[in-house]
Amino acid sequence: MSKLQWLRYSALAEGVSWLALLFVAMPLKYVWGDPSYVKTVGMTHGILFILLIVLLLQTFMEACIDKKEALIIFIASFLPFGTFFTDKSLRTVIIKKEALKV
C-alpha cells in the first residue's frame, strides 16, 4: 500500500473519530453526565489526528502531493466532515500516481 493510500485511510479514520467525538461522546457527556466516552474517543481521535499529520508531512516532503493539496487536507481535518470532502481529490491523486507507475 502506498503512502498516499495510508494518508487517505488515516484521513477517513480521523474524520470518523472526529464525528464520533462531536456527535456521540460529547452529547453523552453533557446530556447524561458521563465523561468516560469523551476520554476514550478523544484519545483515539488525538492519536489518529497525530498520525494524519505525520503522514501528511511525509507525503508532502516526498513530493507525493503539492503544497496546496497538503494545506487543504490540513485545514479540512479541523472541520467536521472536512476529510470526507478531500477524499475525492486524494483518490484522484492516487489514481494519477498509479497510472504513472505503469
N, C-alpha and C. Protein backbone atom coordinates (compact mmCIF):
# COMPACT_ATOMS: atom_id res chain seq x y z
N MET A 1 0.85 -1.18 0.00
CA MET A 1 0.00 0.00 0.00
C MET A 1 0.90 1.24 0.00
N SER A 2 0.56 2.21 -0.82
CA SER A 2 1.39 3.41 -0.94
C SER A 2 1.13 4.39 0.21
N LYS A 3 2.04 5.35 0.35
CA LYS A 3 1.87 6.36 1.40
C LYS A 3 0.61 7.18 1.18
N LEU A 4 0.26 7.42 -0.07
CA LEU A 4 -0.97 8.16 -0.36
C LEU A 4 -2.20 7.39 0.10
N GLN A 5 -2.18 6.09 -0.07
CA GLN A 5 -3.31 5.29 0.39
C GLN A 5 -3.37 5.29 1.92
N TRP A 6 -2.21 5.21 2.57
CA TRP A 6 -2.18 5.31 4.03
C TRP A 6 -2.72 6.67 4.48
N LEU A 7 -2.34 7.72 3.76
CA LEU A 7 -2.84 9.06 4.09
C LEU A 7 -4.35 9.12 3.94
N ARG A 8 -4.86 8.57 2.86
CA ARG A 8 -6.31 8.59 2.62
C ARG A 8 -7.06 7.84 3.71
N TYR A 9 -6.60 6.64 4.05
CA TYR A 9 -7.29 5.84 5.07
C TYR A 9 -7.18 6.47 6.45
N SER A 10 -6.03 7.05 6.74
CA SER A 10 -5.90 7.71 8.06
C SER A 10 -6.78 8.95 8.13
N ALA A 11 -6.94 9.66 7.02
CA ALA A 11 -7.82 10.83 6.99
C ALA A 11 -9.27 10.40 7.22
N LEU A 12 -9.66 9.31 6.60
CA LEU A 12 -11.03 8.82 6.80
C LEU A 12 -11.26 8.36 8.23
N ALA A 13 -10.29 7.65 8.79
CA ALA A 13 -10.41 7.20 10.18
C ALA A 13 -10.45 8.39 11.14
N GLU A 14 -9.62 9.38 10.88
CA GLU A 14 -9.62 10.59 11.72
C GLU A 14 -10.95 11.32 11.61
N GLY A 15 -11.52 11.36 10.41
CA GLY A 15 -12.81 12.01 10.21
C GLY A 15 -13.93 11.30 10.95
N VAL A 16 -13.91 9.98 10.93
CA VAL A 16 -14.93 9.21 11.64
C VAL A 16 -14.78 9.42 13.15
N SER A 17 -13.54 9.41 13.64
CA SER A 17 -13.34 9.61 15.09
C SER A 17 -13.74 11.01 15.51
N TRP A 18 -13.53 12.01 14.66
CA TRP A 18 -13.93 13.39 14.95
C TRP A 18 -15.44 13.49 15.06
N LEU A 19 -16.15 12.83 14.14
CA LEU A 19 -17.61 12.84 14.19
C LEU A 19 -18.13 12.08 15.40
N ALA A 20 -17.48 10.97 15.74
CA ALA A 20 -17.89 10.21 16.93
C ALA A 20 -17.69 11.05 18.19
N LEU A 21 -16.62 11.79 18.23
CA LEU A 21 -16.37 12.66 19.38
C LEU A 21 -17.43 13.76 19.48
N LEU A 22 -17.70 14.40 18.35
CA LEU A 22 -18.65 15.52 18.35
C LEU A 22 -20.10 15.10 18.55
N PHE A 23 -20.51 14.02 17.89
CA PHE A 23 -21.93 13.69 17.84
C PHE A 23 -22.35 12.51 18.71
N VAL A 24 -21.38 11.82 19.31
CA VAL A 24 -21.73 10.72 20.21
C VAL A 24 -21.20 10.99 21.62
N ALA A 25 -19.88 11.14 21.73
CA ALA A 25 -19.26 11.26 23.05
C ALA A 25 -19.63 12.57 23.76
N MET A 26 -19.59 13.68 23.03
CA MET A 26 -19.90 14.96 23.67
C MET A 26 -21.36 15.04 24.13
N PRO A 27 -22.34 14.62 23.32
CA PRO A 27 -23.72 14.61 23.83
C PRO A 27 -23.89 13.69 25.05
N LEU A 28 -23.23 12.54 25.04
CA LEU A 28 -23.32 11.66 26.21
C LEU A 28 -22.75 12.33 27.45
N LYS A 29 -21.71 13.11 27.26
CA LYS A 29 -21.10 13.81 28.41
C LYS A 29 -22.05 14.87 28.96
N TYR A 30 -22.64 15.66 28.08
CA TYR A 30 -23.43 16.79 28.56
C TYR A 30 -24.89 16.45 28.82
N VAL A 31 -25.43 15.44 28.18
CA VAL A 31 -26.83 15.08 28.41
C VAL A 31 -26.95 14.13 29.59
N TRP A 32 -26.11 13.09 29.61
CA TRP A 32 -26.19 12.10 30.67
C TRP A 32 -25.10 12.22 31.73
N GLY A 33 -24.22 13.19 31.54
CA GLY A 33 -23.18 13.43 32.54
C GLY A 33 -22.14 12.32 32.63
N ASP A 34 -21.87 11.65 31.53
CA ASP A 34 -20.89 10.55 31.52
C ASP A 34 -19.67 10.95 30.68
N PRO A 35 -18.60 11.45 31.31
CA PRO A 35 -17.43 11.90 30.55
C PRO A 35 -16.49 10.78 30.11
N SER A 36 -16.78 9.54 30.46
CA SER A 36 -15.86 8.45 30.13
C SER A 36 -15.72 8.25 28.62
N TYR A 37 -16.79 8.48 27.86
CA TYR A 37 -16.72 8.31 26.42
C TYR A 37 -15.84 9.37 25.78
N VAL A 38 -15.87 10.58 26.33
CA VAL A 38 -15.04 11.65 25.78
C VAL A 38 -13.56 11.31 25.96
N LYS A 39 -13.21 10.73 27.10
CA LYS A 39 -11.81 10.36 27.32
C LYS A 39 -11.36 9.31 26.31
N THR A 40 -12.17 8.29 26.12
CA THR A 40 -11.80 7.19 25.23
C THR A 40 -11.79 7.63 23.77
N VAL A 41 -12.88 8.22 23.33
CA VAL A 41 -12.99 8.64 21.93
C VAL A 41 -12.04 9.80 21.66
N GLY A 42 -11.87 10.68 22.62
CA GLY A 42 -10.95 11.81 22.46
C GLY A 42 -9.51 11.37 22.31
N MET A 43 -9.09 10.38 23.09
CA MET A 43 -7.74 9.85 22.97
C MET A 43 -7.54 9.18 21.61
N THR A 44 -8.52 8.41 21.20
CA THR A 44 -8.45 7.75 19.89
C THR A 44 -8.36 8.79 18.78
N HIS A 45 -9.18 9.80 18.86
CA HIS A 45 -9.16 10.86 17.85
C HIS A 45 -7.81 11.59 17.86
N GLY A 46 -7.28 11.86 19.02
CA GLY A 46 -5.99 12.54 19.12
C GLY A 46 -4.87 11.75 18.48
N ILE A 47 -4.84 10.45 18.72
CA ILE A 47 -3.81 9.60 18.11
C ILE A 47 -3.98 9.56 16.59
N LEU A 48 -5.21 9.43 16.12
CA LEU A 48 -5.46 9.40 14.68
C LEU A 48 -5.13 10.74 14.03
N PHE A 49 -5.37 11.84 14.74
CA PHE A 49 -5.03 13.16 14.20
C PHE A 49 -3.52 13.31 14.07
N ILE A 50 -2.78 12.88 15.07
CA ILE A 50 -1.32 12.96 15.00
C ILE A 50 -0.80 12.08 13.87
N LEU A 51 -1.36 10.89 13.73
CA LEU A 51 -0.96 10.01 12.62
C LEU A 51 -1.23 10.67 11.28
N LEU A 52 -2.38 11.30 11.15
CA LEU A 52 -2.72 12.00 9.91
C LEU A 52 -1.70 13.10 9.60
N ILE A 53 -1.34 13.89 10.59
CA ILE A 53 -0.40 14.99 10.36
C ILE A 53 0.98 14.45 9.99
N VAL A 54 1.42 13.39 10.65
CA VAL A 54 2.72 12.79 10.32
C VAL A 54 2.72 12.26 8.89
N LEU A 55 1.67 11.54 8.52
CA LEU A 55 1.59 11.02 7.15
C LEU A 55 1.46 12.15 6.13
N LEU A 56 0.75 13.19 6.49
CA LEU A 56 0.62 14.35 5.60
C LEU A 56 1.98 15.00 5.36
N LEU A 57 2.76 15.17 6.41
CA LEU A 57 4.11 15.73 6.26
C LEU A 57 5.01 14.82 5.43
N GLN A 58 4.93 13.52 5.66
CA GLN A 58 5.75 12.58 4.88
C GLN A 58 5.40 12.62 3.41
N THR A 59 4.13 12.59 3.08
CA THR A 59 3.74 12.60 1.67
C THR A 59 4.07 13.93 1.02
N PHE A 60 3.99 15.00 1.76
CA PHE A 60 4.35 16.31 1.21
C PHE A 60 5.86 16.40 0.98
N MET A 61 6.66 15.93 1.95
CA MET A 61 8.11 16.00 1.82
C MET A 61 8.63 15.11 0.70
N GLU A 62 7.94 14.01 0.44
CA GLU A 62 8.35 13.11 -0.63
C GLU A 62 7.75 13.51 -1.97
N ALA A 63 7.11 14.66 -2.02
CA ALA A 63 6.53 15.24 -3.24
C ALA A 63 5.44 14.36 -3.84
N CYS A 64 4.72 13.65 -2.99
CA CYS A 64 3.57 12.89 -3.48
C CYS A 64 2.36 13.80 -3.68
N ILE A 65 2.29 14.86 -2.88
CA ILE A 65 1.22 15.85 -3.03
C ILE A 65 1.85 17.23 -3.01
N ASP A 66 1.17 18.20 -3.59
CA ASP A 66 1.72 19.55 -3.63
C ASP A 66 1.30 20.34 -2.38
N LYS A 67 1.82 21.55 -2.28
CA LYS A 67 1.59 22.38 -1.10
C LYS A 67 0.12 22.72 -0.92
N LYS A 68 -0.56 23.03 -2.01
CA LYS A 68 -1.98 23.40 -1.95
C LYS A 68 -2.83 22.23 -1.43
N GLU A 69 -2.59 21.05 -1.96
CA GLU A 69 -3.35 19.87 -1.53
C GLU A 69 -3.08 19.56 -0.06
N ALA A 70 -1.83 19.65 0.36
CA ALA A 70 -1.48 19.39 1.76
C ALA A 70 -2.17 20.39 2.68
N LEU A 71 -2.20 21.64 2.29
CA LEU A 71 -2.84 22.67 3.11
C LEU A 71 -4.35 22.44 3.20
N ILE A 72 -4.95 22.05 2.09
CA ILE A 72 -6.39 21.78 2.09
C ILE A 72 -6.72 20.61 3.01
N ILE A 73 -5.93 19.55 2.95
CA ILE A 73 -6.16 18.39 3.81
C ILE A 73 -5.96 18.77 5.27
N PHE A 74 -4.94 19.58 5.56
CA PHE A 74 -4.68 20.01 6.92
C PHE A 74 -5.85 20.82 7.48
N ILE A 75 -6.33 21.79 6.72
CA ILE A 75 -7.44 22.62 7.18
C ILE A 75 -8.71 21.79 7.31
N ALA A 76 -8.94 20.89 6.36
CA ALA A 76 -10.15 20.06 6.38
C ALA A 76 -10.18 19.14 7.60
N SER A 77 -9.02 18.78 8.13
CA SER A 77 -9.01 17.89 9.29
C SER A 77 -9.56 18.56 10.54
N PHE A 78 -9.66 19.87 10.55
CA PHE A 78 -10.23 20.59 11.69
C PHE A 78 -11.74 20.78 11.58
N LEU A 79 -12.29 20.50 10.41
CA LEU A 79 -13.72 20.73 10.17
C LEU A 79 -14.49 19.41 10.21
N PRO A 80 -15.66 19.40 10.86
CA PRO A 80 -16.49 18.19 10.78
C PRO A 80 -16.84 17.89 9.33
N PHE A 81 -16.73 16.66 8.93
CA PHE A 81 -16.96 16.19 7.56
C PHE A 81 -15.90 16.69 6.57
N GLY A 82 -14.91 17.43 7.03
CA GLY A 82 -13.90 18.00 6.14
C GLY A 82 -13.08 16.97 5.41
N THR A 83 -12.64 15.94 6.11
CA THR A 83 -11.80 14.94 5.45
C THR A 83 -12.56 14.13 4.42
N PHE A 84 -13.88 14.06 4.55
CA PHE A 84 -14.67 13.33 3.57
C PHE A 84 -14.77 14.12 2.27
N PHE A 85 -14.70 15.45 2.35
CA PHE A 85 -14.72 16.27 1.14
C PHE A 85 -13.39 16.20 0.41
N THR A 86 -12.29 16.02 1.13
CA THR A 86 -10.98 15.94 0.48
C THR A 86 -10.68 14.54 -0.03
N ASP A 87 -11.51 13.57 0.31
CA ASP A 87 -11.27 12.19 -0.10
C ASP A 87 -11.27 12.04 -1.62
N LYS A 88 -12.15 12.73 -2.30
CA LYS A 88 -12.22 12.62 -3.75
C LYS A 88 -10.93 13.10 -4.41
N SER A 89 -10.40 14.20 -3.95
CA SER A 89 -9.15 14.70 -4.54
C SER A 89 -7.98 13.77 -4.22
N LEU A 90 -7.98 13.18 -3.03
CA LEU A 90 -6.93 12.22 -2.70
C LEU A 90 -7.01 10.98 -3.59
N ARG A 91 -8.22 10.49 -3.82
CA ARG A 91 -8.38 9.35 -4.72
C ARG A 91 -7.88 9.68 -6.12
N THR A 92 -8.16 10.89 -6.58
CA THR A 92 -7.70 11.32 -7.90
C THR A 92 -6.17 11.34 -7.96
N VAL A 93 -5.54 11.86 -6.92
CA VAL A 93 -4.07 11.90 -6.88
C VAL A 93 -3.51 10.48 -6.88
N ILE A 94 -4.12 9.59 -6.12
CA ILE A 94 -3.66 8.19 -6.06
C ILE A 94 -3.78 7.54 -7.43
N ILE A 95 -4.89 7.76 -8.11
CA ILE A 95 -5.10 7.17 -9.43
C ILE A 95 -4.07 7.69 -10.42
N LYS A 96 -3.79 8.99 -10.38
CA LYS A 96 -2.79 9.58 -11.28
C LYS A 96 -1.40 9.01 -11.00
N LYS A 97 -1.04 8.89 -9.73
CA LYS A 97 0.28 8.36 -9.37
C LYS A 97 0.40 6.90 -9.80
N GLU A 98 -0.66 6.13 -9.62
CA GLU A 98 -0.63 4.71 -10.02
C GLU A 98 -0.53 4.59 -11.53
N ALA A 99 -1.18 5.48 -12.27
CA ALA A 99 -1.13 5.44 -13.73
C ALA A 99 0.27 5.77 -14.23
N LEU A 100 1.01 6.62 -13.52
CA LEU A 100 2.37 6.97 -13.93
C LEU A 100 3.34 5.81 -13.70
N LYS A 101 3.04 4.95 -12.76
CA LYS A 101 3.93 3.82 -12.48
C LYS A 101 3.87 2.76 -13.57
N VAL A 102 2.72 2.65 -14.21
CA VAL A 102 2.55 1.60 -15.22
C VAL A 102 3.21 1.93 -16.49
